[in-house]
Protein backbone atom coordinates (compact mmCIF):
# COMPACT_ATOMS: atom_id res chain seq x y z
CA MET A 1 2.05 -24.46 -7.23
CA PRO A 2 -1.28 -22.80 -5.86
CA LYS A 3 -4.39 -23.28 -8.13
CA VAL A 4 -7.95 -21.47 -8.34
CA THR A 5 -11.14 -22.96 -9.83
CA ILE A 6 -13.09 -20.93 -12.28
CA PHE A 7 -16.09 -22.38 -13.85
CA GLY A 8 -14.96 -25.72 -12.90
CA LYS A 9 -11.54 -25.45 -14.25
CA GLU A 10 -8.44 -25.14 -12.27
CA TYR A 11 -5.85 -22.70 -12.99
CA SER A 12 -2.34 -22.64 -11.77
CA TYR A 13 -0.83 -19.28 -10.57
CA ASP A 14 2.61 -17.98 -9.42
CA GLU A 15 2.80 -16.14 -6.32
CA SER A 16 4.63 -13.61 -8.31
CA GLU A 17 0.95 -13.21 -10.05
CA VAL A 18 -0.76 -12.32 -6.83
CA VAL A 19 -2.03 -8.60 -6.90
CA SER A 20 -2.93 -6.95 -3.57
CA PHE A 21 -5.49 -4.35 -3.26
CA SER A 22 -5.31 -2.39 -0.03
CA GLU A 23 -8.77 -0.97 -0.50
CA GLY A 24 -10.41 -3.95 -2.59
CA LEU A 25 -12.21 -3.09 -5.79
CA ILE A 26 -15.07 -0.74 -6.10
CA GLY A 27 -18.15 -2.44 -4.39
CA LEU A 28 -15.94 -5.62 -3.25
CA PRO A 29 -13.80 -3.86 -0.38
CA GLU A 30 -13.14 -7.69 0.83
CA MET A 31 -11.28 -8.21 -2.37
CA ARG A 32 -7.77 -7.74 -1.14
CA ARG A 33 -5.76 -10.32 -3.00
CA ALA A 34 -6.13 -11.66 -6.43
CA ALA A 35 -4.46 -14.02 -9.08
CA LEU A 36 -3.81 -12.62 -12.45
CA ILE A 37 -3.83 -15.51 -14.85
CA PRO A 38 -3.40 -15.27 -18.70
CA LEU A 39 -5.85 -16.83 -21.02
CA ALA A 40 -3.66 -18.06 -23.53
CA ASP A 41 -6.22 -19.20 -25.58
CA TYR A 42 -8.23 -16.06 -25.78
CA GLU A 43 -5.11 -13.59 -25.66
CA PRO A 44 -5.29 -10.46 -24.92
CA PHE A 45 -7.54 -11.68 -21.90
CA PHE A 46 -6.76 -12.56 -18.22
CA TRP A 47 -8.96 -13.86 -15.30
CA LEU A 48 -8.32 -11.37 -12.24
CA ALA A 49 -9.45 -14.33 -9.84
CA SER A 50 -10.11 -13.30 -5.82
CA LEU A 51 -8.30 -15.44 -3.72
CA ASP A 52 -10.26 -14.06 -0.64
CA ASP A 53 -13.75 -15.07 -2.02
CA GLU A 54 -14.39 -17.90 -4.84
CA LYS A 55 -17.19 -15.92 -6.38
CA ASN A 56 -15.44 -12.70 -7.70
CA ARG A 57 -13.56 -13.71 -11.16
CA PHE A 58 -13.56 -11.18 -13.63
CA VAL A 59 -12.04 -11.21 -17.26
CA VAL A 60 -9.88 -8.25 -17.53
CA VAL A 61 -7.89 -6.89 -20.63
CA GLU A 62 -5.28 -4.37 -20.87
CA PRO A 63 -7.32 -1.88 -23.13
CA GLN A 64 -4.70 -0.33 -25.19
CA ARG A 65 -4.47 -3.79 -26.94
CA ILE A 66 -7.93 -3.25 -28.17
CA PHE A 67 -8.33 0.59 -27.69
CA SER A 68 -5.23 2.15 -29.23
CA ASP A 69 -6.29 5.47 -28.21
CA TYR A 70 -7.01 4.85 -24.41
CA GLN A 71 -4.87 6.98 -22.45
CA PRO A 72 -5.98 7.66 -18.74
CA GLU A 73 -3.81 9.54 -16.56
CA ILE A 74 -1.59 7.05 -14.83
CA PRO A 75 0.54 7.37 -11.65
CA ASN A 76 4.40 7.73 -12.23
CA SER A 77 5.43 4.18 -11.97
CA PRO A 78 5.77 1.02 -13.99
CA THR A 79 1.99 0.50 -14.33
CA MET A 80 0.08 -2.20 -16.08
CA ILE A 81 -3.57 -0.84 -16.54
CA LEU A 82 -6.60 -3.45 -17.01
CA THR A 83 -10.19 -2.83 -17.51
CA ILE A 84 -13.12 -5.36 -16.26
CA VAL A 85 -14.81 -6.83 -19.33
CA LYS A 86 -18.48 -7.73 -19.43
CA ILE A 87 -19.14 -11.10 -21.53
CA SER A 88 -22.13 -11.17 -23.35
CA SER A 89 -23.56 -14.53 -24.99
CA GLU A 90 -23.61 -12.35 -28.09
CA TRP A 91 -19.76 -11.37 -28.50
CA GLU A 92 -20.92 -8.22 -30.16
CA LYS A 93 -22.59 -7.04 -27.03
CA THR A 94 -19.31 -7.68 -25.10
CA THR A 95 -18.45 -4.49 -23.34
CA VAL A 96 -15.25 -3.00 -21.58
CA ASN A 97 -15.39 -0.68 -18.52
CA LEU A 98 -13.15 2.08 -19.47
CA ARG A 99 -14.28 4.57 -16.76
CA ALA A 100 -12.99 2.53 -13.72
CA PRO A 101 -9.71 1.18 -14.64
CA ILE A 102 -7.52 -1.07 -12.38
CA PHE A 103 -3.88 0.38 -12.22
CA ILE A 104 -1.30 -2.20 -10.84
CA ASP A 105 2.40 -1.34 -9.98
CA GLU A 106 4.20 -4.14 -11.93
CA GLU A 107 7.07 -3.80 -9.27
CA THR A 108 5.22 -4.08 -6.11
CA LYS A 109 2.23 -5.93 -7.23
CA ARG A 110 -0.08 -3.45 -5.49
CA GLY A 111 -3.47 -2.41 -7.34
CA ALA A 112 -6.23 -0.05 -7.08
CA GLN A 113 -9.29 0.63 -8.87
CA PHE A 114 -10.26 4.35 -10.05
CA VAL A 115 -13.17 6.01 -11.39
CA LEU A 116 -12.20 8.62 -13.76
CA THR A 117 -14.83 11.25 -13.15
CA ASP A 118 -13.56 13.79 -15.61
CA SER A 119 -13.39 11.77 -18.59
CA ASN A 120 -15.37 10.67 -21.50
CA TYR A 121 -14.42 6.91 -21.26
CA GLU A 122 -17.72 4.75 -20.64
CA LEU A 123 -18.86 2.19 -18.28
CA ALA A 124 -19.86 -0.14 -20.98
CA GLU A 125 -17.74 0.43 -24.16
CA ALA A 126 -18.17 -1.94 -27.00
CA ILE A 127 -15.17 -3.90 -28.06
CA PRO A 128 -14.32 -2.79 -31.63
CA GLN A 129 -15.36 -5.38 -34.20
CA ASN A 130 -12.76 -6.39 -36.99
């Protein structure tokens, strides 16, 4: 089983967890393949780890798990929506980029990131404190 190293820790992943991005992510056109690795100890978060460049590792989350009213328009296919999380050393300052979600077709494992230009969603939305 292949592995990626993130902050000195090895994570195994299955090829079925590899997402391909034909155009990369916004600002990272070279990021064409990434492993989506669930963080069991930090559910509902995942690592989205580039398989093309070891420095591109992101924490992502399915935003509906923490923002129940998040409803961007999505393509007509079985789609997983992920948003990039910006972790802060002060947890209450951690934010989620709701303005530029990543859409992943769950059947084909093809993904793309889009900017929701006609939206009130924020680039840095605070995670609700419970």
